Amino acid sequence: VQLQACGGGLVQAGDSLRLSCAASGLTVSDHIMGWFRQAPGKEREFVAISTSDTGTTSYADSVKGRFAISRDNAKNLIYLQMSSLKPEDTAVYYCRARRRSDVYWGQGTEVTVSS
């Protein structure tokens, strides 16, 4: 199983960025897919999640209204569309796949937002 996240970079406050996570060895449509992030010196935190059955999404309060998680089951991909980025969004972003007790993490993509 491999989750390959990409799309990070250096942007200015207020900009938008879209992260992608390509899955291999598992089927995205069968898994709860999520995005997490870890800022320097901080613990990894939840950002957004998309359930596998109803497509229900949930977001951390800090990103609600600015970030949107989506999935392309045909391409076995998930996305995180990030808008109105703030310096406090600076972190390494990780995608995660979960199905029952099986949990898989991607390698992370770095997002830096300058003020």
C-alpha atoms as a PDB file:
ATOM      1  CA  VAL A   1       0.000   0.000   0.000  1.00  0.00           C
ATOM      2  CA  GLN A   2       1.273   3.430  -0.914  1.00  0.00           C
ATOM      3  CA  LEU A   3      -0.211   6.882  -0.535  1.00  0.00           C
ATOM      4  CA  GLN A   4       1.638   9.514  -2.541  1.00  0.00           C
ATOM      5  CA  ALA A   5       0.824  13.088  -1.568  1.00  0.00           C
ATOM      6  CA  CYS A   6       1.885  16.013  -3.707  1.00  0.00           C
ATOM      7  CA  GLY A   7       0.995  19.603  -4.500  1.00  0.00           C
ATOM      8  CA  GLY A   8       2.627  21.393  -1.597  1.00  0.00           C
ATOM      9  CA  GLY A   9       4.759  24.458  -1.982  1.00  0.00           C
ATOM     10  CA  LEU A  10       5.488  28.000  -0.900  1.00  0.00           C
ATOM     11  CA  VAL A  11       2.582  30.424  -1.265  1.00  0.00           C
ATOM     12  CA  GLN A  12       1.529  33.788   0.113  1.00  0.00           C
ATOM     13  CA  ALA A  13      -1.243  34.406   2.589  1.00  0.00           C
ATOM     14  CA  GLY A  14      -4.589  34.476   0.803  1.00  0.00           C
ATOM     15  CA  ASP A  15      -3.471  32.148  -1.982  1.00  0.00           C
ATOM     16  CA  SER A  16      -4.971  28.787  -2.875  1.00  0.00           C
ATOM     17  CA  LEU A  17      -3.350  25.409  -3.272  1.00  0.00           C
ATOM     18  CA  ARG A  18      -4.614  21.928  -4.128  1.00  0.00           C
ATOM     19  CA  LEU A  19      -3.046  18.844  -2.665  1.00  0.00           C
ATOM     20  CA  SER A  20      -3.460  15.427  -4.215  1.00  0.00           C
ATOM     21  CA  CYS A  21      -2.987  11.972  -2.775  1.00  0.00           C
ATOM     22  CA  ALA A  22      -2.717   9.014  -5.114  1.00  0.00           C
ATOM     23  CA  ALA A  23      -3.371   5.585  -3.655  1.00  0.00           C
ATOM     24  CA  SER A  24      -1.934   2.312  -4.837  1.00  0.00           C
ATOM     25  CA  GLY A  25      -2.520  -1.078  -3.288  1.00  0.00           C
ATOM     26  CA  LEU A  26      -5.884  -0.040  -1.886  1.00  0.00           C
ATOM     27  CA  THR A  27      -9.185   1.222  -3.254  1.00  0.00           C
ATOM     28  CA  VAL A  28     -10.026   4.748  -2.160  1.00  0.00           C
ATOM     29  CA  SER A  29     -13.758   4.102  -2.432  1.00  0.00           C
ATOM     30  CA  ASP A  30     -13.493   1.380   0.233  1.00  0.00           C
ATOM     31  CA  HIS A  31     -11.703   3.565   2.751  1.00  0.00           C
ATOM     32  CA  ILE A  32     -12.285   6.565   4.946  1.00  0.00           C
ATOM     33  CA  MET A  33      -9.842   9.089   3.505  1.00  0.00           C
ATOM     34  CA  GLY A  34      -8.461  12.015   5.419  1.00  0.00           C
ATOM     35  CA  TRP A  35      -5.924  14.779   5.567  1.00  0.00           C
ATOM     36  CA  PHE A  36      -3.846  15.607   8.612  1.00  0.00           C
ATOM     37  CA  ARG A  37      -1.049  18.098   9.158  1.00  0.00           C
ATOM     38  CA  GLN A  38       1.905  18.614  11.419  1.00  0.00           C
ATOM     39  CA  ALA A  39       3.365  22.050  11.983  1.00  0.00           C
ATOM     40  CA  PRO A  40       6.962  22.469  13.209  1.00  0.00           C
ATOM     41  CA  GLY A  41       7.183  21.653  16.893  1.00  0.00           C
ATOM     42  CA  LYS A  42       3.561  20.545  17.105  1.00  0.00           C
ATOM     43  CA  GLU A  43       1.710  17.255  17.083  1.00  0.00           C
ATOM     44  CA  ARG A  44      -0.046  15.949  14.004  1.00  0.00           C
ATOM     45  CA  GLU A  45      -3.626  17.194  13.841  1.00  0.00           C
ATOM     46  CA  PHE A  46      -6.780  16.368  11.973  1.00  0.00           C
ATOM     47  CA  VAL A  47      -7.696  18.572   8.994  1.00  0.00           C
ATOM     48  CA  ALA A  48     -10.459  16.908   6.976  1.00  0.00           C
ATOM     49  CA  ILE A  49     -12.074  13.566   6.362  1.00  0.00           C
ATOM     50  CA  SER A  50     -14.310  11.958   3.735  1.00  0.00           C
ATOM     51  CA  THR A  51     -16.230   8.822   4.584  1.00  0.00           C
ATOM     52  CA  SER A  52     -16.280   5.855   2.282  1.00  0.00           C
ATOM     53  CA  ASP A  53     -19.993   5.224   2.094  1.00  0.00           C
ATOM     54  CA  THR A  54     -22.025   8.399   2.045  1.00  0.00           C
ATOM     55  CA  GLY A  55     -19.238  10.763   1.121  1.00  0.00           C
ATOM     56  CA  THR A  56     -19.846  12.755   4.266  1.00  0.00           C
ATOM     57  CA  THR A  57     -17.095  15.248   4.989  1.00  0.00           C
ATOM     58  CA  SER A  58     -15.895  16.760   8.228  1.00  0.00           C
ATOM     59  CA  TYR A  59     -13.384  19.513   8.919  1.00  0.00           C
ATOM     60  CA  ALA A  60     -11.333  20.925  11.717  1.00  0.00           C
ATOM     61  CA  ASP A  61     -12.760  24.220  12.918  1.00  0.00           C
ATOM     62  CA  SER A  62      -9.551  25.973  11.902  1.00  0.00           C
ATOM     63  CA  VAL A  63     -10.061  25.148   8.207  1.00  0.00           C
ATOM     64  CA  LYS A  64     -13.844  25.006   7.930  1.00  0.00           C
ATOM     65  CA  GLY A  65     -15.072  27.157   5.067  1.00  0.00           C
ATOM     66  CA  ARG A  66     -11.587  27.434   3.548  1.00  0.00           C
ATOM     67  CA  PHE A  67     -10.591  23.836   2.785  1.00  0.00           C
ATOM     68  CA  ALA A  68     -12.506  21.194   0.854  1.00  0.00           C
ATOM     69  CA  ILE A  69     -11.766  17.479   0.660  1.00  0.00           C
ATOM     70  CA  SER A  70     -12.904  15.522  -2.332  1.00  0.00           C
ATOM     71  CA  ARG A  71     -12.245  12.178  -3.925  1.00  0.00           C
ATOM     72  CA  ASP A  72     -12.017  10.822  -7.448  1.00  0.00           C
ATOM     73  CA  ASN A  73     -12.779   7.147  -7.020  1.00  0.00           C
ATOM     74  CA  ALA A  74     -12.202   6.436 -10.690  1.00  0.00           C
ATOM     75  CA  LYS A  75      -8.632   7.736 -10.436  1.00  0.00           C
ATOM     76  CA  ASN A  76      -8.147   6.431  -6.882  1.00  0.00           C
ATOM     77  CA  LEU A  77      -7.237   9.919  -5.722  1.00  0.00           C
ATOM     78  CA  ILE A  78      -8.234  12.323  -3.008  1.00  0.00           C
ATOM     79  CA  TYR A  79      -7.755  16.066  -3.008  1.00  0.00           C
ATOM     80  CA  LEU A  80      -7.551  18.872  -0.517  1.00  0.00           C
ATOM     81  CA  GLN A  81      -8.462  22.230  -2.002  1.00  0.00           C
ATOM     82  CA  MET A  82      -7.108  24.944   0.254  1.00  0.00           C
ATOM     83  CA  SER A  83      -8.186  28.568  -0.110  1.00  0.00           C
ATOM     84  CA  SER A  84      -7.531  31.762   1.801  1.00  0.00           C
ATOM     85  CA  LEU A  85      -4.374  30.236   3.195  1.00  0.00           C
ATOM     86  CA  LYS A  86      -2.926  31.661   6.381  1.00  0.00           C
ATOM     87  CA  PRO A  87       0.597  31.477   7.810  1.00  0.00           C
ATOM     88  CA  GLU A  88      -0.759  29.190  10.526  1.00  0.00           C
ATOM     89  CA  ASP A  89      -1.624  26.652   7.813  1.00  0.00           C
ATOM     90  CA  THR A  90       2.107  26.070   7.344  1.00  0.00           C
ATOM     91  CA  ALA A  91       2.733  22.370   7.961  1.00  0.00           C
ATOM     92  CA  VAL A  92       3.506  19.041   6.392  1.00  0.00           C
ATOM     93  CA  TYR A  93       0.238  17.618   5.128  1.00  0.00           C
ATOM     94  CA  TYR A  94      -0.382  13.879   5.220  1.00  0.00           C
ATOM     95  CA  CYS A  95      -3.120  11.813   3.665  1.00  0.00           C
ATOM     96  CA  ARG A  96      -4.478   8.809   5.520  1.00  0.00           C
ATOM     97  CA  ALA A  97      -6.588   5.842   4.529  1.00  0.00           C
ATOM     98  CA  ARG A  98      -8.532   3.859   7.111  1.00  0.00           C
ATOM     99  CA  ARG A  99     -10.722   0.785   6.850  1.00  0.00           C
ATOM    100  CA  ARG A 100     -11.674  -1.003  10.039  1.00  0.00           C
ATOM    101  CA  SER A 101      -8.389  -1.479  11.946  1.00  0.00           C
ATOM    102  CA  ASP A 102      -6.154  -0.900   8.918  1.00  0.00           C
ATOM    103  CA  VAL A 103      -4.583   2.548   8.788  1.00  0.00           C
ATOM    104  CA  TYR A 104      -2.176   3.785   6.118  1.00  0.00           C
ATOM    105  CA  TRP A 105      -0.274   7.077   5.961  1.00  0.00           C
ATOM    106  CA  GLY A 106       1.303   8.888   3.047  1.00  0.00           C
ATOM    107  CA  GLN A 107       4.738  10.464   3.204  1.00  0.00           C
ATOM    108  CA  GLY A 108       3.555  14.068   3.453  1.00  0.00           C
ATOM    109  CA  THR A 109       3.829  17.188   1.345  1.00  0.00           C
ATOM    110  CA  GLU A 110       5.046  20.484   2.770  1.00  0.00           C
ATOM    111  CA  VAL A 111       2.989  23.653   2.615  1.00  0.00           C
ATOM    112  CA  THR A 112       4.532  26.964   3.603  1.00  0.00           C
ATOM    113  CA  VAL A 113       2.409  30.102   3.738  1.00  0.00           C
ATOM    114  CA  SER A 114       4.256  33.397   3.978  1.00  0.00           C
ATOM    115  CA  SER A 115       2.657  36.515   5.425  1.00  0.00           C
END
